[in-house]
N, C-alpha and C. Protein backbone atom coordinates (compact mmCIF):
# COMPACT_ATOMS: atom_id res chain seq x y z
N MET A 1 1.29 -24.54 6.97
CA MET A 1 1.52 -23.21 7.43
C MET A 1 3.36 -23.53 7.86
N SER A 2 3.13 -25.07 8.13
CA SER A 2 4.62 -25.70 8.66
C SER A 2 5.50 -26.05 7.37
N GLU A 3 5.48 -25.33 6.23
CA GLU A 3 6.30 -25.33 4.73
C GLU A 3 7.57 -25.29 5.32
N LYS A 4 8.73 -26.51 4.72
CA LYS A 4 10.12 -26.04 5.28
C LYS A 4 10.65 -25.32 3.92
N LEU A 5 10.70 -24.06 4.51
CA LEU A 5 11.26 -23.13 3.54
C LEU A 5 12.72 -22.66 3.63
N SER A 6 13.54 -22.41 2.88
CA SER A 6 14.84 -22.42 2.74
C SER A 6 15.10 -20.15 3.14
N ARG A 7 16.04 -19.85 4.26
CA ARG A 7 15.65 -18.71 4.90
C ARG A 7 16.00 -17.63 3.80
N PRO A 8 16.68 -17.69 2.53
CA PRO A 8 15.68 -16.29 2.22
C PRO A 8 14.28 -16.44 1.61
N GLU A 9 13.98 -17.60 1.65
CA GLU A 9 12.30 -17.57 1.24
C GLU A 9 11.92 -17.22 2.49
N ILE A 10 11.97 -17.21 3.75
CA ILE A 10 11.45 -17.07 5.12
C ILE A 10 11.51 -15.66 5.58
N ARG A 11 13.00 -14.68 4.75
CA ARG A 11 12.94 -13.39 4.37
C ARG A 11 11.65 -12.26 3.49
N GLU A 12 12.15 -13.21 2.44
CA GLU A 12 11.04 -12.67 1.68
C GLU A 12 9.87 -12.32 2.24
N GLY A 13 9.63 -13.44 2.73
CA GLY A 13 8.07 -14.02 3.04
C GLY A 13 7.75 -12.55 3.53
N ALA A 14 8.99 -12.51 4.86
CA ALA A 14 8.03 -11.65 6.51
C ALA A 14 8.44 -10.24 5.23
N PHE A 15 9.47 -9.82 4.16
CA PHE A 15 9.86 -8.84 3.85
C PHE A 15 8.35 -8.45 2.96
N LEU A 16 7.13 -9.37 2.24
CA LEU A 16 6.18 -9.24 1.34
C LEU A 16 5.08 -8.91 2.47
N GLU A 17 5.06 -9.75 3.51
CA GLU A 17 4.12 -9.01 4.74
C GLU A 17 3.88 -7.80 4.94
N LEU A 18 5.67 -7.69 5.66
CA LEU A 18 5.45 -5.99 6.39
C LEU A 18 5.18 -4.99 5.20
N TYR A 19 5.14 -5.19 3.84
CA TYR A 19 5.15 -4.29 3.32
C TYR A 19 3.84 -3.98 2.78
N GLN A 20 2.92 -5.01 2.54
CA GLN A 20 1.61 -4.89 2.63
C GLN A 20 0.30 -4.41 3.40
N MET A 21 1.61 -4.67 5.17
CA MET A 21 1.02 -3.83 6.18
C MET A 21 1.16 -2.57 6.01
N LEU A 22 2.07 -1.92 5.20
CA LEU A 22 2.27 -0.13 5.12
C LEU A 22 0.52 -0.24 4.49
N PHE A 23 0.20 -0.76 4.11
CA PHE A 23 -1.26 -0.16 3.24
C PHE A 23 -2.30 -0.37 4.01
N GLY A 24 -2.27 -0.30 4.93
CA GLY A 24 -3.17 -1.02 6.25
C GLY A 24 -3.98 -2.43 6.37
N ALA A 25 -3.35 -2.91 5.46
CA ALA A 25 -4.06 -5.04 5.77
C ALA A 25 -3.13 -5.23 7.09
N THR A 26 -4.32 -5.91 7.55
CA THR A 26 -4.11 -6.90 8.86
C THR A 26 -3.36 -8.25 8.84
N LEU A 27 -2.55 -8.90 9.67
CA LEU A 27 -1.78 -10.00 9.02
C LEU A 27 -2.71 -10.93 8.45
N GLU A 28 -3.83 -10.88 9.37
CA GLU A 28 -4.94 -11.75 9.02
C GLU A 28 -5.21 -12.03 7.29
N GLU A 29 -5.69 -10.73 7.04
CA GLU A 29 -6.23 -10.22 5.59
C GLU A 29 -5.20 -10.64 4.64
N ILE A 30 -3.91 -10.62 5.21
CA ILE A 30 -2.70 -10.55 4.20
C ILE A 30 -2.61 -11.95 3.91
N ASP A 31 -2.29 -12.86 5.50
CA ASP A 31 -2.24 -14.42 4.55
C ASP A 31 -3.52 -14.70 4.42
N GLU A 32 -4.84 -14.09 4.26
CA GLU A 32 -6.09 -14.84 3.08
C GLU A 32 -5.63 -14.76 1.88
N LEU A 33 -5.26 -13.29 1.68
CA LEU A 33 -4.96 -12.68 0.20
C LEU A 33 -3.89 -13.24 -0.35
N ASN A 34 -2.25 -13.64 0.39
CA ASN A 34 -2.14 -14.46 -0.06
C ASN A 34 -1.88 -15.97 -0.61
N VAL A 35 -2.56 -16.29 0.32
CA VAL A 35 -2.92 -17.84 -0.10
C VAL A 35 -3.84 -17.99 -1.15
N GLU A 36 -4.80 -17.50 -1.37
CA GLU A 36 -6.19 -16.98 -2.47
C GLU A 36 -5.04 -16.86 -3.91
N ALA A 37 -4.52 -15.41 -4.12
CA ALA A 37 -3.52 -14.89 -4.90
C ALA A 37 -2.50 -15.51 -5.46
N PHE A 38 -1.89 -15.36 -4.33
CA PHE A 38 -0.13 -15.73 -4.63
C PHE A 38 0.53 -17.33 -4.14
N ASP A 39 -0.31 -17.53 -3.58
CA ASP A 39 0.37 -18.80 -2.99
C ASP A 39 2.10 -18.58 -2.82
N MET A 40 1.95 -17.62 -1.30
CA MET A 40 3.23 -17.02 -0.95
C MET A 40 3.55 -18.31 0.10
N ASN A 41 5.15 -18.80 -0.05
CA ASN A 41 5.75 -19.34 1.15
C ASN A 41 5.45 -19.04 2.25
N LYS A 42 5.21 -19.20 3.74
CA LYS A 42 5.85 -18.93 4.66
C LYS A 42 5.42 -20.03 5.83
N ASN A 43 5.99 -19.53 6.75
CA ASN A 43 6.01 -20.79 7.84
C ASN A 43 6.03 -19.59 9.70
N GLU A 44 6.40 -20.81 10.40
CA GLU A 44 6.15 -20.30 11.80
C GLU A 44 6.88 -18.96 11.81
N GLN A 45 8.41 -19.29 11.15
CA GLN A 45 9.64 -18.28 11.35
C GLN A 45 9.64 -17.61 10.33
N THR A 46 8.67 -17.19 9.68
CA THR A 46 8.43 -16.17 8.81
C THR A 46 7.39 -15.02 9.35
N ASP A 47 6.65 -15.49 10.69
CA ASP A 47 5.50 -15.08 11.11
C ASP A 47 6.12 -14.73 12.36
N GLU A 48 7.32 -15.23 12.83
CA GLU A 48 8.00 -14.74 14.14
C GLU A 48 8.95 -13.68 13.43
N ILE A 49 9.60 -13.70 12.27
CA ILE A 49 10.18 -12.18 12.47
C ILE A 49 8.97 -11.25 11.73
N VAL A 50 8.20 -11.17 11.14
CA VAL A 50 7.04 -10.45 11.18
C VAL A 50 7.00 -9.60 12.60
N LYS A 51 6.48 -10.80 13.10
CA LYS A 51 5.80 -9.89 14.82
C LYS A 51 6.90 -9.39 15.60
N GLY A 52 8.11 -10.31 15.49
CA GLY A 52 9.40 -9.66 16.15
C GLY A 52 9.83 -7.87 15.11
N VAL A 53 9.81 -8.13 14.39
CA VAL A 53 10.03 -6.70 13.49
C VAL A 53 8.52 -5.89 14.04
N LEU A 54 7.66 -6.20 14.01
CA LEU A 54 6.79 -5.10 14.62
C LEU A 54 6.93 -4.77 16.08
N GLU A 55 6.88 -5.76 16.69
CA GLU A 55 7.05 -5.83 18.28
C GLU A 55 8.16 -4.43 18.55
N HIS A 56 9.12 -4.74 18.11
CA HIS A 56 10.48 -4.08 18.04
C HIS A 56 10.84 -2.77 17.36
N ASP A 57 9.78 -2.42 16.65
CA ASP A 57 9.63 -1.41 15.68
C ASP A 57 10.58 -0.24 16.02
N SER A 58 10.15 0.36 16.90
CA SER A 58 11.09 1.65 17.42
C SER A 58 12.65 1.27 17.43
N GLU A 59 12.59 0.93 18.40
CA GLU A 59 13.70 0.32 18.66
C GLU A 59 14.85 -0.24 17.38
N LEU A 60 13.99 -0.66 16.51
CA LEU A 60 14.70 -1.00 15.34
C LEU A 60 15.19 0.66 14.22
N LEU A 61 13.87 1.04 14.57
CA LEU A 61 14.14 2.57 13.44
C LEU A 61 15.22 3.44 14.32
N GLU A 62 15.24 3.36 15.77
CA GLU A 62 16.57 4.03 15.85
C GLU A 62 18.05 3.48 15.68
N ILE A 63 18.11 2.01 15.87
CA ILE A 63 19.86 1.62 15.68
C ILE A 63 19.75 2.18 13.73
N ILE A 64 18.92 1.88 13.45
CA ILE A 64 18.87 2.40 11.84
C ILE A 64 19.09 3.37 11.98
N SER A 65 18.43 4.12 12.20
CA SER A 65 19.23 6.18 12.38
C SER A 65 20.29 6.35 12.68
N LYS A 66 21.25 5.45 13.69
CA LYS A 66 22.09 5.55 14.40
C LYS A 66 23.19 5.84 13.34
N TYR A 67 22.99 4.69 12.39
CA TYR A 67 23.77 4.13 11.26
C TYR A 67 23.52 4.89 9.56
N SER A 68 22.50 5.49 9.62
CA SER A 68 22.31 6.13 8.39
C SER A 68 22.91 7.28 8.03
N LYS A 69 24.13 7.72 7.88
CA LYS A 69 24.64 8.73 8.08
C LYS A 69 24.26 10.13 7.04
N THR A 70 23.94 9.18 5.85
CA THR A 70 23.43 10.37 4.55
C THR A 70 22.06 10.15 4.49
N ARG A 71 21.04 9.38 5.26
CA ARG A 71 19.72 10.06 5.03
C ARG A 71 19.10 9.35 6.25
N SER A 72 18.06 10.83 6.69
CA SER A 72 17.25 10.64 7.95
C SER A 72 16.57 9.36 7.57
N VAL A 73 16.20 8.77 8.67
CA VAL A 73 15.00 7.67 8.38
C VAL A 73 13.67 7.77 7.67
N ALA A 74 13.28 9.34 7.99
CA ALA A 74 12.31 9.60 7.56
C ALA A 74 12.25 9.72 5.69
N ARG A 75 13.31 9.60 5.20
CA ARG A 75 13.80 9.87 3.95
C ARG A 75 14.16 8.55 3.48
N ILE A 76 14.01 7.58 3.99
CA ILE A 76 14.88 6.34 3.35
C ILE A 76 13.69 5.78 2.87
N ALA A 77 13.55 5.15 2.17
CA ALA A 77 12.31 4.20 0.78
C ALA A 77 11.87 3.67 1.64
N LYS A 78 10.36 3.30 1.78
CA LYS A 78 9.47 2.11 2.93
C LYS A 78 10.64 0.57 2.54
N VAL A 79 10.52 0.68 1.15
CA VAL A 79 10.97 -0.72 0.88
C VAL A 79 12.56 -0.97 1.82
N ASN A 80 13.46 0.04 1.37
CA ASN A 80 14.45 -0.29 2.18
C ASN A 80 14.64 -0.46 3.96
N LEU A 81 13.90 0.31 4.17
CA LEU A 81 13.38 0.20 5.44
C LEU A 81 12.93 -0.76 5.91
N ILE A 82 12.38 -1.83 5.54
CA ILE A 82 11.53 -3.11 5.48
C ILE A 82 12.62 -3.90 5.70
N ILE A 83 13.29 -3.78 4.69
CA ILE A 83 14.52 -4.82 4.80
C ILE A 83 15.49 -4.53 6.14
N LEU A 84 16.04 -3.64 6.17
CA LEU A 84 16.97 -3.40 7.08
C LEU A 84 16.47 -3.18 8.18
N LYS A 85 15.01 -3.49 8.47
CA LYS A 85 14.37 -3.91 9.79
C LYS A 85 14.24 -5.16 9.90
N ILE A 86 14.13 -5.99 9.36
CA ILE A 86 13.96 -7.34 9.25
C ILE A 86 15.72 -8.17 9.49
N ALA A 87 16.72 -7.43 8.56
CA ALA A 87 18.06 -7.66 9.41
C ALA A 87 18.88 -7.60 10.21
N VAL A 88 18.28 -5.94 10.46
CA VAL A 88 18.42 -5.90 12.27
C VAL A 88 17.90 -6.22 13.20
N TYR A 89 16.73 -6.87 13.40
CA TYR A 89 16.19 -8.07 14.05
C TYR A 89 17.05 -8.94 14.39
N GLU A 90 16.95 -9.64 12.96
CA GLU A 90 17.64 -11.09 13.28
C GLU A 90 19.08 -10.85 13.84
N MET A 91 19.80 -9.89 13.37
CA MET A 91 21.31 -9.44 14.07
C MET A 91 21.08 -9.45 15.76
N LYS A 92 20.05 -8.35 16.26
CA LYS A 92 20.01 -8.22 16.97
C LYS A 92 19.55 -9.68 18.38
N TYR A 93 18.34 -10.01 17.47
CA TYR A 93 17.70 -10.91 18.28
C TYR A 93 17.30 -12.71 17.67
N CYS A 94 18.22 -12.90 16.54
CA CYS A 94 17.72 -14.36 16.26
C CYS A 94 19.38 -14.97 16.52
N GLU A 95 20.01 -15.53 17.20
CA GLU A 95 21.35 -15.85 17.44
C GLU A 95 21.48 -17.06 16.17
N ARG A 96 20.63 -17.69 16.14
CA ARG A 96 20.52 -19.20 14.94
C ARG A 96 20.80 -18.13 13.79
N VAL A 97 20.98 -16.95 13.54
CA VAL A 97 21.12 -16.67 12.12
C VAL A 97 22.63 -15.85 11.95
N PRO A 98 23.90 -15.97 11.55
CA PRO A 98 25.09 -15.34 11.65
C PRO A 98 24.53 -14.07 11.13
N ASN A 99 25.34 -12.87 11.29
CA ASN A 99 25.07 -11.53 11.14
C ASN A 99 25.34 -11.41 9.46
N ALA A 100 26.93 -11.60 9.12
CA ALA A 100 26.82 -11.94 7.62
C ALA A 100 25.71 -12.53 6.71
N ALA A 101 24.97 -13.82 6.86
CA ALA A 101 24.07 -14.10 7.08
C ALA A 101 22.85 -13.26 6.42
N ALA A 102 22.65 -12.39 7.69
CA ALA A 102 21.38 -11.01 7.50
C ALA A 102 21.80 -10.10 6.77
N ILE A 103 23.27 -9.43 6.45
CA ILE A 103 23.23 -8.94 5.34
C ILE A 103 23.20 -9.33 4.30
N ASN A 104 23.92 -9.84 3.79
CA ASN A 104 23.45 -10.91 2.38
C ASN A 104 22.49 -11.27 1.73
N GLU A 105 21.63 -11.34 2.78
CA GLU A 105 20.11 -11.78 2.22
C GLU A 105 19.23 -10.60 2.08
N ALA A 106 19.88 -9.38 2.94
CA ALA A 106 19.11 -7.80 3.11
C ALA A 106 19.67 -7.66 1.37
N VAL A 107 20.79 -7.74 1.50
CA VAL A 107 21.44 -6.79 0.73
C VAL A 107 21.07 -7.77 -1.29
N GLU A 108 20.62 -9.31 -0.81
CA GLU A 108 19.53 -9.70 -2.41
C GLU A 108 18.03 -9.35 -2.08
N LEU A 109 17.72 -9.30 -0.70
CA LEU A 109 16.22 -8.62 -0.95
C LEU A 109 16.34 -7.42 -2.18
N ALA A 110 17.26 -6.19 -1.60
CA ALA A 110 17.30 -5.46 -2.06
C ALA A 110 17.85 -5.29 -3.33
N LYS A 111 18.96 -5.61 -4.22
CA LYS A 111 18.94 -5.85 -5.30
C LYS A 111 17.88 -6.45 -6.10
N LYS A 112 16.68 -6.99 -5.69
CA LYS A 112 15.45 -7.64 -6.16
C LYS A 112 14.63 -6.89 -6.51
N TYR A 113 14.11 -5.71 -4.99
CA TYR A 113 13.02 -5.27 -4.37
C TYR A 113 13.35 -3.47 -4.71
N SER A 114 14.62 -3.05 -4.95
CA SER A 114 15.18 -1.72 -4.49
C SER A 114 15.93 -1.40 -5.98
N LEU A 115 16.31 0.12 -5.52
CA LEU A 115 17.15 0.35 -6.60
C LEU A 115 18.43 -0.24 -6.51
N LYS A 116 19.27 0.16 -7.95
CA LYS A 116 20.72 -0.78 -7.27
C LYS A 116 21.10 -0.24 -6.48
N THR A 117 21.36 1.22 -6.82
CA THR A 117 22.19 1.95 -5.54
C THR A 117 21.84 1.29 -4.30
N ASP A 118 20.52 1.11 -3.97
CA ASP A 118 20.37 0.72 -2.62
C ASP A 118 20.78 -0.28 -1.86
N SER A 119 21.13 -1.19 -2.41
CA SER A 119 21.88 -1.91 -1.72
C SER A 119 23.41 -2.11 -1.32
N GLY A 120 24.06 -1.13 -1.71
CA GLY A 120 24.79 -0.88 -1.12
C GLY A 120 25.16 0.15 -0.03
N PHE A 121 24.05 1.02 -0.25
CA PHE A 121 23.51 2.10 1.29
C PHE A 121 22.98 0.50 2.06
N ILE A 122 22.50 -0.13 2.05
CA ILE A 122 21.94 -1.09 3.27
C ILE A 122 22.94 -2.01 3.66
N ASN A 123 23.89 -2.29 2.52
CA ASN A 123 24.75 -3.01 3.45
C ASN A 123 26.00 -2.25 3.97
N GLY A 124 26.11 -0.96 3.81
CA GLY A 124 26.75 -0.40 4.68
C GLY A 124 26.28 0.26 5.96
N ILE A 125 25.04 0.79 6.14
CA ILE A 125 24.51 0.38 7.87
C ILE A 125 24.58 -0.65 8.26
N LEU A 126 24.11 -1.62 7.76
CA LEU A 126 23.77 -2.86 8.49
C LEU A 126 25.46 -3.68 8.83
N ASN A 127 26.93 -3.27 7.85
CA ASN A 127 28.18 -3.79 8.23
C ASN A 127 28.48 -2.85 9.77
N SER A 128 28.23 -1.36 9.69
CA SER A 128 28.39 -0.87 10.52
C SER A 128 28.03 -1.08 11.74
N TYR A 129 26.71 -1.83 11.62
CA TYR A 129 25.88 -2.44 13.10
C TYR A 129 26.73 -3.30 13.67
N MET A 130 27.37 -4.21 12.59
CA MET A 130 27.62 -5.86 13.02
C MET A 130 29.08 -5.32 13.85
N ARG A 131 29.54 -4.05 13.16
CA ARG A 131 31.08 -4.50 13.86
C ARG A 131 30.53 -3.81 15.26
N GLU A 132 29.87 -2.94 15.55
CA GLU A 132 29.18 -2.98 17.18
C GLU A 132 29.09 -3.46 17.61
N LEU A 133 28.35 -4.77 16.94
CA LEU A 133 27.83 -6.03 17.84
C LEU A 133 29.02 -6.63 18.18
N GLU A 134 29.83 -6.64 17.19
CA GLU A 134 31.19 -7.43 17.33
C GLU A 134 32.35 -6.71 18.38
N ASN A 135 32.59 -5.41 18.57
CA ASN A 135 32.96 -5.04 19.38
C ASN A 135 32.09 -5.35 20.92
N ASN A 136 30.94 -4.88 21.18
CA ASN A 136 30.45 -5.20 22.49
C ASN A 136 30.04 -6.68 23.03
N GLY A 137 30.24 -7.27 21.39
CA GLY A 137 30.01 -9.03 22.46
C GLY A 137 30.61 -9.62 23.10
């Protein structure tokens, strides 16, 4: 479990776990299934992101809602919402992760798992949030 992973691998593992939780699976069940079926990469940092996103869920949704000018949170695709939550969590709570890196990785996840146009939507929300952080920082 203390595997050395790149930041993109850590984020992707957290994304996949959070996505699977949408279907009612617990973290323990996901861990068991992923080890058996997918040999998914994860480590303590993956767990840290998953637990942080779950712990701060309502706050993260509030931030996303504030910057989503074209869609209400209820209308944002679940895949995109999870990607946004991970990035906003990292921007707000993970000082070791530069904001630009969190945004770039979110856009890359969107390109891999979402519709082509959604990466621009995600980028816009996260860049607006980053400007607020920089102005208040």
